[in-house]
N, C-alpha and C. Protein backbone atom coordinates (compact mmCIF):
# COMPACT_ATOMS: atom_id res chain seq x y z
N UNK A 1 45.92 -21.87 132.46
CA UNK A 1 45.85 -20.55 133.09
C UNK A 1 47.23 -19.88 133.07
N UNK A 2 47.28 -18.60 132.67
CA UNK A 2 48.54 -17.87 132.59
C UNK A 2 49.04 -17.51 133.97
N UNK A 3 50.34 -17.67 134.21
CA UNK A 3 50.93 -17.29 135.48
C UNK A 3 50.92 -15.77 135.64
N UNK A 4 50.95 -15.29 136.88
CA UNK A 4 51.00 -13.86 137.13
C UNK A 4 52.34 -13.30 136.69
N UNK A 5 52.33 -12.05 136.21
CA UNK A 5 53.56 -11.40 135.78
C UNK A 5 54.36 -10.95 136.99
N UNK A 6 55.62 -11.35 137.06
CA UNK A 6 56.49 -10.98 138.18
C UNK A 6 57.79 -10.35 137.71
N UNK A 7 57.83 -9.95 136.45
CA UNK A 7 59.05 -9.37 135.90
C UNK A 7 59.91 -10.41 135.20
N UNK A 8 61.03 -9.94 134.65
CA UNK A 8 61.97 -10.83 133.95
C UNK A 8 63.20 -11.07 134.82
N UNK A 9 63.56 -12.31 135.05
CA UNK A 9 64.76 -12.60 135.84
C UNK A 9 66.03 -12.26 135.06
N UNK A 10 67.17 -12.27 135.76
CA UNK A 10 68.45 -11.92 135.13
C UNK A 10 68.80 -12.85 133.98
N UNK A 11 68.28 -14.08 134.04
CA UNK A 11 68.56 -15.04 132.95
C UNK A 11 68.08 -14.53 131.60
N UNK A 12 67.10 -13.65 131.62
CA UNK A 12 66.57 -13.09 130.36
C UNK A 12 67.65 -12.31 129.63
N UNK A 13 68.32 -11.40 130.30
CA UNK A 13 69.38 -10.62 129.67
C UNK A 13 70.52 -11.53 129.23
N UNK A 14 70.89 -12.47 130.09
CA UNK A 14 71.99 -13.37 129.73
C UNK A 14 71.64 -14.19 128.48
N UNK A 15 70.37 -14.58 128.37
CA UNK A 15 69.94 -15.32 127.18
C UNK A 15 70.18 -14.50 125.92
N UNK A 16 69.78 -13.23 125.95
CA UNK A 16 69.91 -12.39 124.75
C UNK A 16 71.36 -12.05 124.44
N UNK A 17 72.18 -11.86 125.47
CA UNK A 17 73.60 -11.63 125.23
C UNK A 17 74.20 -12.84 124.51
N UNK A 18 73.85 -14.03 124.98
CA UNK A 18 74.34 -15.25 124.33
C UNK A 18 73.83 -15.39 122.91
N UNK A 19 72.57 -15.02 122.69
CA UNK A 19 71.99 -15.13 121.35
C UNK A 19 72.65 -14.17 120.37
N UNK A 20 73.02 -12.97 120.85
CA UNK A 20 73.73 -12.03 119.98
C UNK A 20 75.09 -12.57 119.58
N UNK A 21 75.72 -13.32 120.48
CA UNK A 21 77.03 -13.90 120.18
C UNK A 21 76.94 -15.15 119.32
N UNK A 22 75.85 -15.88 119.45
CA UNK A 22 75.68 -17.14 118.72
C UNK A 22 74.22 -17.31 118.31
N UNK A 23 73.85 -16.62 117.23
CA UNK A 23 72.46 -16.68 116.75
C UNK A 23 72.31 -17.92 115.88
N UNK A 24 72.11 -19.04 116.55
CA UNK A 24 72.03 -20.33 115.85
C UNK A 24 70.96 -21.20 116.49
N UNK A 25 70.51 -22.18 115.72
CA UNK A 25 69.52 -23.13 116.24
C UNK A 25 70.12 -23.93 117.39
N UNK A 26 71.41 -24.22 117.28
CA UNK A 26 72.07 -24.98 118.33
C UNK A 26 72.00 -24.24 119.67
N UNK A 27 72.32 -22.94 119.65
CA UNK A 27 72.26 -22.16 120.88
C UNK A 27 70.83 -22.07 121.40
N UNK A 28 69.90 -21.78 120.50
CA UNK A 28 68.51 -21.60 120.92
C UNK A 28 67.96 -22.89 121.53
N UNK A 29 68.21 -24.00 120.87
CA UNK A 29 67.71 -25.28 121.40
C UNK A 29 68.33 -25.61 122.75
N UNK A 30 69.61 -25.32 122.91
CA UNK A 30 70.29 -25.61 124.18
C UNK A 30 69.77 -24.74 125.32
N UNK A 31 69.20 -23.58 124.95
CA UNK A 31 68.71 -22.63 125.96
C UNK A 31 67.21 -22.41 125.87
N UNK A 32 66.52 -23.33 125.24
CA UNK A 32 65.08 -23.16 125.02
C UNK A 32 64.30 -23.06 126.33
N UNK A 33 64.69 -23.84 127.32
CA UNK A 33 63.98 -23.78 128.61
C UNK A 33 64.11 -22.40 129.24
N UNK A 34 65.31 -21.82 129.16
CA UNK A 34 65.51 -20.47 129.68
C UNK A 34 64.65 -19.48 128.91
N UNK A 35 64.61 -19.63 127.59
CA UNK A 35 63.78 -18.75 126.78
C UNK A 35 62.32 -18.84 127.19
N UNK A 36 61.81 -20.04 127.33
CA UNK A 36 60.40 -20.23 127.66
C UNK A 36 60.06 -19.69 129.06
N UNK A 37 60.96 -19.90 130.01
CA UNK A 37 60.65 -19.56 131.40
C UNK A 37 61.06 -18.13 131.79
N UNK A 38 62.18 -17.65 131.24
CA UNK A 38 62.70 -16.36 131.68
C UNK A 38 62.44 -15.23 130.69
N UNK A 39 62.11 -15.56 129.44
CA UNK A 39 61.92 -14.54 128.41
C UNK A 39 60.46 -14.51 127.94
N UNK A 40 60.02 -15.60 127.33
CA UNK A 40 58.67 -15.62 126.76
C UNK A 40 57.59 -15.69 127.84
N UNK A 41 57.79 -16.53 128.85
CA UNK A 41 56.77 -16.71 129.88
C UNK A 41 56.35 -15.40 130.53
N UNK A 42 57.30 -14.58 131.01
CA UNK A 42 56.91 -13.30 131.59
C UNK A 42 56.20 -12.37 130.60
N UNK A 43 56.63 -12.38 129.34
CA UNK A 43 55.97 -11.52 128.35
C UNK A 43 54.54 -11.96 128.12
N UNK A 44 54.31 -13.25 128.01
CA UNK A 44 52.95 -13.77 127.83
C UNK A 44 52.08 -13.38 129.02
N UNK A 45 52.61 -13.53 130.23
CA UNK A 45 51.86 -13.17 131.43
C UNK A 45 51.56 -11.67 131.47
N UNK A 46 52.52 -10.85 131.07
CA UNK A 46 52.33 -9.40 131.07
C UNK A 46 51.24 -8.99 130.08
N UNK A 47 51.34 -9.48 128.85
CA UNK A 47 50.36 -9.11 127.83
C UNK A 47 48.96 -9.56 128.25
N UNK A 48 48.86 -10.76 128.81
CA UNK A 48 47.56 -11.25 129.27
C UNK A 48 46.98 -10.34 130.35
N UNK A 49 47.85 -9.80 131.20
CA UNK A 49 47.38 -8.94 132.29
C UNK A 49 46.93 -7.56 131.80
N UNK A 50 47.32 -7.19 130.58
CA UNK A 50 46.97 -5.88 130.03
C UNK A 50 45.74 -5.91 129.13
N UNK A 51 45.33 -7.10 128.71
CA UNK A 51 44.28 -7.19 127.70
C UNK A 51 42.93 -6.67 128.16
N UNK A 52 42.58 -6.88 129.42
CA UNK A 52 41.28 -6.41 129.90
C UNK A 52 41.16 -4.90 129.78
N UNK A 53 42.24 -4.20 130.06
CA UNK A 53 42.21 -2.74 130.04
C UNK A 53 42.43 -2.14 128.66
N UNK A 54 43.23 -2.82 127.81
CA UNK A 54 43.64 -2.19 126.56
C UNK A 54 43.20 -2.92 125.30
N UNK A 55 42.78 -4.15 125.41
CA UNK A 55 42.35 -4.88 124.23
C UNK A 55 43.25 -6.06 123.92
N UNK A 56 42.88 -6.85 122.91
CA UNK A 56 43.62 -8.07 122.58
C UNK A 56 45.10 -7.81 122.34
N UNK A 57 45.91 -8.77 122.76
CA UNK A 57 47.34 -8.63 122.61
C UNK A 57 47.98 -9.80 121.89
N UNK A 58 49.28 -9.67 121.69
CA UNK A 58 50.01 -10.72 120.98
C UNK A 58 51.48 -10.65 121.38
N UNK A 59 52.11 -11.81 121.49
CA UNK A 59 53.56 -11.89 121.67
C UNK A 59 54.13 -12.40 120.35
N UNK A 60 55.09 -11.69 119.81
CA UNK A 60 55.64 -12.06 118.51
C UNK A 60 56.57 -13.27 118.63
N UNK A 61 56.62 -14.05 117.59
CA UNK A 61 57.42 -15.27 117.58
C UNK A 61 58.91 -14.94 117.55
N UNK A 62 59.70 -15.89 118.00
CA UNK A 62 61.15 -15.68 118.09
C UNK A 62 61.84 -15.76 116.73
N UNK A 63 61.28 -16.51 115.80
CA UNK A 63 61.92 -16.72 114.51
C UNK A 63 61.81 -15.49 113.62
N UNK A 64 62.89 -15.17 112.92
CA UNK A 64 62.88 -14.09 111.93
C UNK A 64 62.38 -14.61 110.60
N UNK A 65 61.76 -13.74 109.82
CA UNK A 65 61.40 -14.07 108.44
C UNK A 65 62.62 -13.73 107.58
N UNK A 66 63.34 -14.75 107.15
CA UNK A 66 64.60 -14.53 106.44
C UNK A 66 64.47 -14.77 104.94
N UNK A 67 63.25 -14.93 104.46
CA UNK A 67 63.06 -15.28 103.04
C UNK A 67 63.65 -14.24 102.10
N UNK A 68 63.51 -12.96 102.43
CA UNK A 68 63.97 -11.91 101.53
C UNK A 68 65.07 -11.06 102.17
N UNK A 69 65.75 -11.63 103.16
CA UNK A 69 66.77 -10.88 103.89
C UNK A 69 68.16 -11.45 103.62
N UNK A 70 69.14 -10.54 103.48
CA UNK A 70 70.52 -10.99 103.35
C UNK A 70 71.03 -11.56 104.66
N UNK A 71 70.49 -11.06 105.77
CA UNK A 71 70.85 -11.56 107.10
C UNK A 71 70.05 -12.84 107.36
N UNK A 72 70.72 -13.94 107.42
CA UNK A 72 70.05 -15.23 107.59
C UNK A 72 70.04 -15.71 109.06
N UNK A 73 70.32 -14.79 109.98
CA UNK A 73 70.23 -15.16 111.39
C UNK A 73 68.81 -15.62 111.69
N UNK A 74 68.65 -16.80 112.29
CA UNK A 74 67.31 -17.37 112.40
C UNK A 74 66.42 -16.75 113.48
N UNK A 75 67.00 -16.05 114.46
CA UNK A 75 66.19 -15.60 115.60
C UNK A 75 66.32 -14.10 115.84
N UNK A 76 65.24 -13.52 116.31
CA UNK A 76 65.24 -12.12 116.73
C UNK A 76 66.00 -12.00 118.05
N UNK A 77 66.73 -10.92 118.19
CA UNK A 77 67.49 -10.72 119.42
C UNK A 77 66.71 -9.85 120.41
N UNK A 78 65.41 -9.90 120.31
CA UNK A 78 64.53 -9.26 121.28
C UNK A 78 63.24 -10.07 121.37
N UNK A 79 62.44 -9.76 122.37
CA UNK A 79 61.08 -10.29 122.42
C UNK A 79 60.15 -9.09 122.46
N UNK A 80 59.07 -9.15 121.70
CA UNK A 80 58.17 -8.01 121.59
C UNK A 80 56.73 -8.47 121.62
N UNK A 81 55.86 -7.54 121.97
CA UNK A 81 54.43 -7.84 121.99
C UNK A 81 53.64 -6.56 122.07
N UNK A 82 52.34 -6.70 122.01
CA UNK A 82 51.48 -5.52 122.14
C UNK A 82 50.18 -5.90 122.82
N UNK A 83 49.52 -4.88 123.35
CA UNK A 83 48.16 -5.02 123.88
C UNK A 83 47.36 -3.83 123.38
N UNK A 84 46.22 -4.10 122.80
CA UNK A 84 45.40 -3.02 122.26
C UNK A 84 45.81 -2.66 120.85
N UNK A 85 46.33 -1.46 120.67
CA UNK A 85 46.80 -0.93 119.39
C UNK A 85 45.67 -0.31 118.56
N UNK A 86 44.44 -0.44 118.97
CA UNK A 86 43.34 0.19 118.23
C UNK A 86 42.86 1.41 119.00
N UNK A 87 43.75 2.36 119.19
CA UNK A 87 43.38 3.57 119.90
C UNK A 87 43.76 3.58 121.36
N UNK A 88 44.17 2.44 121.91
CA UNK A 88 44.63 2.36 123.29
C UNK A 88 45.79 1.38 123.34
N UNK A 89 46.47 1.37 124.49
CA UNK A 89 47.54 0.40 124.66
C UNK A 89 48.76 0.75 123.83
N UNK A 90 49.54 -0.29 123.49
CA UNK A 90 50.74 -0.03 122.73
C UNK A 90 51.62 -1.25 122.59
N UNK A 91 52.88 -1.00 122.33
CA UNK A 91 53.87 -2.01 121.94
C UNK A 91 55.04 -1.96 122.91
N UNK A 92 55.67 -3.10 123.15
CA UNK A 92 56.88 -3.13 123.96
C UNK A 92 57.86 -4.15 123.44
N UNK A 93 59.14 -3.87 123.66
CA UNK A 93 60.21 -4.73 123.19
C UNK A 93 61.30 -4.79 124.25
N UNK A 94 61.81 -5.99 124.48
CA UNK A 94 62.86 -6.21 125.48
C UNK A 94 64.01 -6.95 124.84
N UNK A 95 65.23 -6.46 125.05
CA UNK A 95 66.42 -7.14 124.55
C UNK A 95 67.53 -7.03 125.59
N UNK A 96 68.75 -7.34 125.20
CA UNK A 96 69.86 -7.35 126.15
C UNK A 96 70.16 -5.97 126.71
N UNK A 97 69.70 -4.93 126.04
CA UNK A 97 69.99 -3.56 126.46
C UNK A 97 68.83 -2.91 127.21
N UNK A 98 67.72 -3.62 127.34
CA UNK A 98 66.62 -3.10 128.14
C UNK A 98 65.30 -3.05 127.43
N UNK A 99 64.40 -2.25 127.99
CA UNK A 99 62.99 -2.20 127.58
C UNK A 99 62.68 -0.91 126.83
N UNK A 100 61.92 -1.06 125.73
CA UNK A 100 61.36 0.08 125.01
C UNK A 100 59.85 -0.09 124.95
N UNK A 101 59.11 0.98 125.25
CA UNK A 101 57.65 0.96 125.22
C UNK A 101 57.18 2.07 124.30
N UNK A 102 56.17 1.79 123.48
CA UNK A 102 55.69 2.77 122.51
C UNK A 102 54.17 2.73 122.41
N UNK A 103 53.61 3.83 121.93
CA UNK A 103 52.16 3.90 121.71
C UNK A 103 51.87 4.97 120.68
N UNK A 104 50.83 4.76 119.90
CA UNK A 104 50.46 5.72 118.86
C UNK A 104 49.99 5.01 117.61
N UNK A 105 50.21 5.62 116.46
CA UNK A 105 49.81 5.04 115.18
C UNK A 105 51.04 4.55 114.42
N UNK A 106 51.03 3.26 114.11
CA UNK A 106 52.16 2.64 113.42
C UNK A 106 51.91 2.47 111.94
N UNK A 107 50.69 2.75 111.52
CA UNK A 107 50.39 2.72 110.09
C UNK A 107 49.13 3.54 109.82
N UNK A 108 49.10 4.16 108.65
CA UNK A 108 47.94 4.87 108.15
C UNK A 108 47.58 4.27 106.79
N UNK A 109 46.31 4.11 106.52
CA UNK A 109 45.88 3.84 105.15
C UNK A 109 46.06 5.15 104.38
N UNK A 110 46.08 5.11 103.05
CA UNK A 110 46.17 6.37 102.30
C UNK A 110 45.08 7.36 102.67
N UNK A 111 43.87 6.86 102.91
CA UNK A 111 42.78 7.75 103.29
C UNK A 111 43.03 8.36 104.67
N UNK A 112 43.52 7.55 105.60
CA UNK A 112 43.80 8.06 106.94
C UNK A 112 44.94 9.07 106.93
N UNK A 113 45.96 8.82 106.12
CA UNK A 113 47.08 9.76 106.02
C UNK A 113 46.61 11.10 105.48
N UNK A 114 45.73 11.07 104.50
CA UNK A 114 45.18 12.30 103.94
C UNK A 114 44.39 13.08 105.00
N UNK A 115 43.57 12.36 105.77
CA UNK A 115 42.81 12.99 106.85
C UNK A 115 43.74 13.56 107.92
N UNK A 116 44.76 12.79 108.27
CA UNK A 116 45.72 13.25 109.27
C UNK A 116 46.35 14.57 108.84
N UNK A 117 46.81 14.66 107.61
CA UNK A 117 47.47 15.88 107.15
C UNK A 117 46.52 17.07 107.15
N UNK A 118 45.30 16.87 106.74
CA UNK A 118 44.32 17.97 106.73
C UNK A 118 44.05 18.45 108.15
N UNK A 119 43.97 17.53 109.09
CA UNK A 119 43.69 17.91 110.48
C UNK A 119 44.91 18.58 111.13
N UNK A 120 46.11 18.17 110.73
CA UNK A 120 47.31 18.83 111.23
C UNK A 120 47.38 20.26 110.70
N UNK A 121 47.01 20.43 109.45
CA UNK A 121 47.07 21.76 108.83
C UNK A 121 46.01 22.70 109.37
N UNK A 122 44.85 22.15 109.76
CA UNK A 122 43.77 22.98 110.30
C UNK A 122 44.20 23.57 111.65
N UNK A 123 43.84 24.83 111.87
CA UNK A 123 44.35 25.54 113.05
C UNK A 123 43.93 24.88 114.36
N UNK A 124 42.64 24.64 114.53
CA UNK A 124 42.15 24.14 115.82
C UNK A 124 42.70 22.75 116.15
N UNK A 125 42.50 21.81 115.24
CA UNK A 125 42.93 20.43 115.50
C UNK A 125 44.45 20.31 115.45
N UNK A 126 45.10 21.04 114.55
CA UNK A 126 46.55 20.96 114.43
C UNK A 126 47.26 21.54 115.64
N UNK A 127 46.76 22.68 116.14
CA UNK A 127 47.35 23.28 117.34
C UNK A 127 47.22 22.35 118.53
N UNK A 128 46.08 21.67 118.63
CA UNK A 128 45.86 20.72 119.72
C UNK A 128 46.88 19.58 119.65
N UNK A 129 47.09 19.01 118.48
CA UNK A 129 48.05 17.92 118.35
C UNK A 129 49.47 18.40 118.68
N UNK A 130 49.84 19.57 118.19
CA UNK A 130 51.18 20.09 118.48
C UNK A 130 51.39 20.24 119.98
N UNK A 131 50.35 20.67 120.71
CA UNK A 131 50.46 20.83 122.16
C UNK A 131 50.61 19.48 122.85
N UNK A 132 49.88 18.47 122.36
CA UNK A 132 49.97 17.13 122.93
C UNK A 132 51.39 16.57 122.74
N UNK A 133 51.91 16.72 121.53
CA UNK A 133 53.25 16.21 121.22
C UNK A 133 54.31 16.93 122.05
N UNK A 134 54.19 18.24 122.15
CA UNK A 134 55.17 19.02 122.92
C UNK A 134 55.17 18.60 124.39
N UNK A 135 53.99 18.37 124.95
CA UNK A 135 53.90 17.94 126.35
C UNK A 135 54.56 16.57 126.55
N UNK A 136 54.34 15.67 125.62
CA UNK A 136 54.95 14.34 125.72
C UNK A 136 56.47 14.42 125.61
N UNK A 137 56.95 15.29 124.73
CA UNK A 137 58.41 15.46 124.60
C UNK A 137 59.00 16.04 125.88
N UNK A 138 58.31 16.98 126.50
CA UNK A 138 58.80 17.55 127.76
C UNK A 138 58.83 16.49 128.86
N UNK A 139 57.95 15.49 128.74
CA UNK A 139 57.90 14.41 129.73
C UNK A 139 58.94 13.32 129.46
N UNK A 140 59.76 13.52 128.43
CA UNK A 140 60.85 12.59 128.17
C UNK A 140 60.60 11.57 127.07
N UNK A 141 59.48 11.70 126.36
CA UNK A 141 59.20 10.78 125.27
C UNK A 141 59.84 11.26 123.97
N UNK A 142 60.18 10.29 123.14
CA UNK A 142 60.67 10.59 121.80
C UNK A 142 59.55 10.33 120.80
N UNK A 143 59.61 11.05 119.70
CA UNK A 143 58.59 10.93 118.66
C UNK A 143 59.14 10.05 117.55
N UNK A 144 58.38 9.04 117.18
CA UNK A 144 58.81 8.10 116.14
C UNK A 144 57.87 8.09 114.95
N UNK A 145 58.31 7.43 113.91
CA UNK A 145 57.48 7.29 112.72
C UNK A 145 58.20 7.81 111.49
N UNK A 146 58.00 7.15 110.38
CA UNK A 146 58.62 7.56 109.12
C UNK A 146 58.19 8.98 108.76
N UNK A 147 59.13 9.76 108.23
CA UNK A 147 58.79 11.12 107.85
C UNK A 147 59.44 11.49 106.52
N UNK A 148 58.80 12.42 105.84
CA UNK A 148 59.31 12.93 104.58
C UNK A 148 60.38 13.99 104.83
N UNK A 149 61.22 14.22 103.84
CA UNK A 149 62.22 15.27 103.97
C UNK A 149 61.61 16.66 103.80
N UNK A 150 60.50 16.71 103.04
CA UNK A 150 59.84 17.98 102.78
C UNK A 150 58.36 17.87 103.12
N UNK A 151 57.72 19.00 103.34
CA UNK A 151 56.28 19.04 103.55
C UNK A 151 55.61 18.52 102.28
N UNK A 152 54.60 17.65 102.39
CA UNK A 152 53.96 17.10 101.20
C UNK A 152 53.27 18.17 100.34
N UNK A 153 53.13 17.91 99.06
CA UNK A 153 52.47 18.87 98.16
C UNK A 153 51.08 19.24 98.66
N UNK A 154 50.72 20.49 98.44
CA UNK A 154 49.40 20.96 98.87
C UNK A 154 49.43 21.74 100.16
N UNK A 155 50.61 21.76 100.82
CA UNK A 155 50.76 22.49 102.07
C UNK A 155 52.00 23.38 101.98
N UNK A 156 51.96 24.56 102.58
CA UNK A 156 53.13 25.45 102.49
C UNK A 156 54.34 24.86 103.18
N UNK A 157 55.49 25.05 102.57
CA UNK A 157 56.73 24.48 103.13
C UNK A 157 57.08 25.11 104.47
N UNK A 158 56.61 26.32 104.71
CA UNK A 158 56.91 26.99 105.98
C UNK A 158 55.74 26.92 106.95
N UNK A 159 54.91 25.90 106.80
CA UNK A 159 53.76 25.74 107.69
C UNK A 159 54.26 25.63 109.13
N UNK A 160 53.58 26.28 110.09
CA UNK A 160 54.06 26.23 111.49
C UNK A 160 54.11 24.83 112.09
N UNK A 161 53.37 23.89 111.48
CA UNK A 161 53.42 22.50 111.98
C UNK A 161 54.02 21.57 110.92
N UNK A 162 55.03 22.10 110.23
CA UNK A 162 55.64 21.33 109.15
C UNK A 162 56.22 20.01 109.64
N UNK A 163 56.72 20.01 110.87
CA UNK A 163 57.32 18.77 111.41
C UNK A 163 56.28 17.67 111.49
N UNK A 164 55.06 18.00 111.89
CA UNK A 164 54.00 17.00 111.98
C UNK A 164 53.45 16.66 110.60
N UNK A 165 53.42 17.61 109.70
CA UNK A 165 52.94 17.35 108.34
C UNK A 165 53.86 16.37 107.60
N UNK A 166 55.14 16.40 107.92
CA UNK A 166 56.07 15.50 107.23
C UNK A 166 55.97 14.06 107.71
N UNK A 167 55.26 13.85 108.81
CA UNK A 167 55.14 12.50 109.35
C UNK A 167 54.21 11.64 108.50
N UNK A 168 54.65 10.41 108.24
CA UNK A 168 53.79 9.42 107.59
C UNK A 168 53.21 8.46 108.63
N UNK A 169 53.79 8.47 109.81
CA UNK A 169 53.32 7.72 110.98
C UNK A 169 53.61 8.61 112.19
N UNK A 170 52.95 8.34 113.30
CA UNK A 170 53.22 9.14 114.49
C UNK A 170 52.96 8.32 115.74
N UNK A 171 54.04 8.09 116.49
CA UNK A 171 53.91 7.41 117.77
C UNK A 171 54.96 7.95 118.73
N UNK A 172 54.78 7.68 120.01
CA UNK A 172 55.77 8.06 121.01
C UNK A 172 56.44 6.80 121.53
N UNK A 173 57.64 6.96 122.04
CA UNK A 173 58.30 5.81 122.66
C UNK A 173 59.29 6.29 123.72
N UNK A 174 59.59 5.39 124.64
CA UNK A 174 60.59 5.65 125.66
C UNK A 174 61.47 4.42 125.79
N UNK A 175 62.77 4.65 125.69
CA UNK A 175 63.74 3.58 125.88
C UNK A 175 64.22 3.65 127.32
N UNK A 176 63.78 2.72 128.14
CA UNK A 176 64.14 2.72 129.56
C UNK A 176 65.53 2.17 129.83
N UNK A 177 66.05 1.39 128.89
CA UNK A 177 67.30 0.71 129.17
C UNK A 177 67.08 -0.39 130.20
N UNK A 178 68.14 -0.71 130.93
CA UNK A 178 68.05 -1.75 131.96
C UNK A 178 67.77 -1.09 133.31
N UNK A 179 66.68 -1.46 133.93
CA UNK A 179 66.29 -0.91 135.22
C UNK A 179 66.08 -2.04 136.22
N UNK A 180 66.36 -1.80 137.49
CA UNK A 180 66.13 -2.85 138.50
C UNK A 180 64.70 -3.35 138.51
N UNK A 181 63.73 -2.46 138.22
CA UNK A 181 62.32 -2.89 138.28
C UNK A 181 61.92 -3.85 137.17
N UNK A 182 62.78 -4.05 136.18
CA UNK A 182 62.46 -5.04 135.15
C UNK A 182 62.35 -6.45 135.73
N UNK A 183 63.00 -6.66 136.84
CA UNK A 183 62.95 -7.96 137.48
C UNK A 183 61.82 -8.13 138.47
N UNK A 184 60.87 -7.21 138.45
CA UNK A 184 59.76 -7.26 139.40
C UNK A 184 58.43 -6.98 138.70
N UNK A 185 57.34 -7.21 139.44
CA UNK A 185 56.01 -6.91 138.91
C UNK A 185 55.83 -5.42 138.66
N UNK A 186 56.71 -4.59 139.25
CA UNK A 186 56.63 -3.14 139.06
C UNK A 186 56.85 -2.70 137.63
N UNK A 187 57.44 -3.56 136.79
CA UNK A 187 57.63 -3.21 135.38
C UNK A 187 56.28 -2.92 134.70
N UNK A 188 55.25 -3.62 135.14
CA UNK A 188 53.92 -3.42 134.56
C UNK A 188 53.44 -1.99 134.74
N UNK A 189 53.70 -1.39 135.91
CA UNK A 189 53.27 -0.02 136.17
C UNK A 189 53.98 0.96 135.24
N UNK A 190 55.25 0.71 134.96
CA UNK A 190 55.99 1.59 134.06
C UNK A 190 55.42 1.53 132.64
N UNK A 191 55.04 0.34 132.22
CA UNK A 191 54.48 0.16 130.88
C UNK A 191 53.11 0.82 130.79
N UNK A 192 52.29 0.62 131.80
CA UNK A 192 50.96 1.23 131.83
C UNK A 192 51.06 2.75 131.80
N UNK A 193 52.04 3.30 132.47
CA UNK A 193 52.19 4.76 132.47
C UNK A 193 52.44 5.29 131.06
N UNK A 194 53.26 4.59 130.28
CA UNK A 194 53.48 5.01 128.90
C UNK A 194 52.18 4.95 128.11
N UNK A 195 51.46 3.84 128.22
CA UNK A 195 50.19 3.70 127.50
C UNK A 195 49.22 4.82 127.90
N UNK A 196 49.14 5.11 129.19
CA UNK A 196 48.21 6.13 129.66
C UNK A 196 48.66 7.54 129.29
N UNK A 197 49.97 7.79 129.36
CA UNK A 197 50.47 9.10 128.94
C UNK A 197 50.17 9.36 127.46
N UNK A 198 50.14 8.30 126.67
CA UNK A 198 49.84 8.44 125.24
C UNK A 198 48.34 8.58 124.97
N UNK A 199 47.53 8.50 126.01
CA UNK A 199 46.08 8.58 125.84
C UNK A 199 45.61 9.78 125.04
N UNK A 200 46.05 11.01 125.35
CA UNK A 200 45.62 12.17 124.58
C UNK A 200 46.00 12.08 123.10
N UNK A 201 47.19 11.54 122.80
CA UNK A 201 47.60 11.36 121.40
C UNK A 201 46.68 10.38 120.70
N UNK A 202 46.42 9.25 121.34
CA UNK A 202 45.55 8.25 120.72
C UNK A 202 44.12 8.74 120.60
N UNK A 203 43.65 9.52 121.58
CA UNK A 203 42.31 10.09 121.50
C UNK A 203 42.21 11.08 120.33
N UNK A 204 43.27 11.88 120.15
CA UNK A 204 43.28 12.81 119.01
C UNK A 204 43.20 12.04 117.69
N UNK A 205 43.97 10.98 117.60
CA UNK A 205 43.97 10.18 116.37
C UNK A 205 42.58 9.58 116.12
N UNK A 206 41.98 9.04 117.15
CA UNK A 206 40.68 8.40 116.97
C UNK A 206 39.63 9.42 116.57
N UNK A 207 39.69 10.59 117.16
CA UNK A 207 38.69 11.62 116.91
C UNK A 207 38.88 12.26 115.51
N UNK A 208 40.11 12.43 115.08
CA UNK A 208 40.37 13.19 113.86
C UNK A 208 40.73 12.33 112.64
N UNK A 209 41.23 11.14 112.89
CA UNK A 209 41.67 10.28 111.77
C UNK A 209 40.78 9.05 111.63
N UNK A 210 40.28 8.53 112.78
CA UNK A 210 39.42 7.36 112.73
C UNK A 210 40.12 6.11 113.20
């Protein structure tokens, strides 16, 4: 049975500061108990507590895939996970500098990207999305996702929603940094607020893109 989520203790930040200074198996093994109890354990408990409302979740492994990377550091200097991701919920990441929470679409198939662009260009659906994004930005969210330098072919370069047309992905995120509530169960409420604030964006995606 998963323990209840009570936040991350101070040892979590200290663990990541140490890992940034010494990203080695020796350091990780010497501090494995701290990792399991102060870093991974709370994340597992948090994701488990979100699954009923948002859908299946996952906590990502600590090891980096270094097969094709010049950086051979064996471990990630953050812990990340998600709950839902199929139209609800979102992603979160915690490191020595604090918490980041995100929600939206992290990938489109070619067919979905084509549908997205057509719906952005269409007046009714495109205006609705622009209003949703603007409201989220006013609420302090940043807009993420890979984007093109120019509007894709087939659409006017001066389209009123050119910023959205250039997007190949579209999600929102908020970098909270280090907050006192990270050490308490109250962190869950902050994460849920991001997921719920992104509801209109995710609903638009589900309705117009699939």
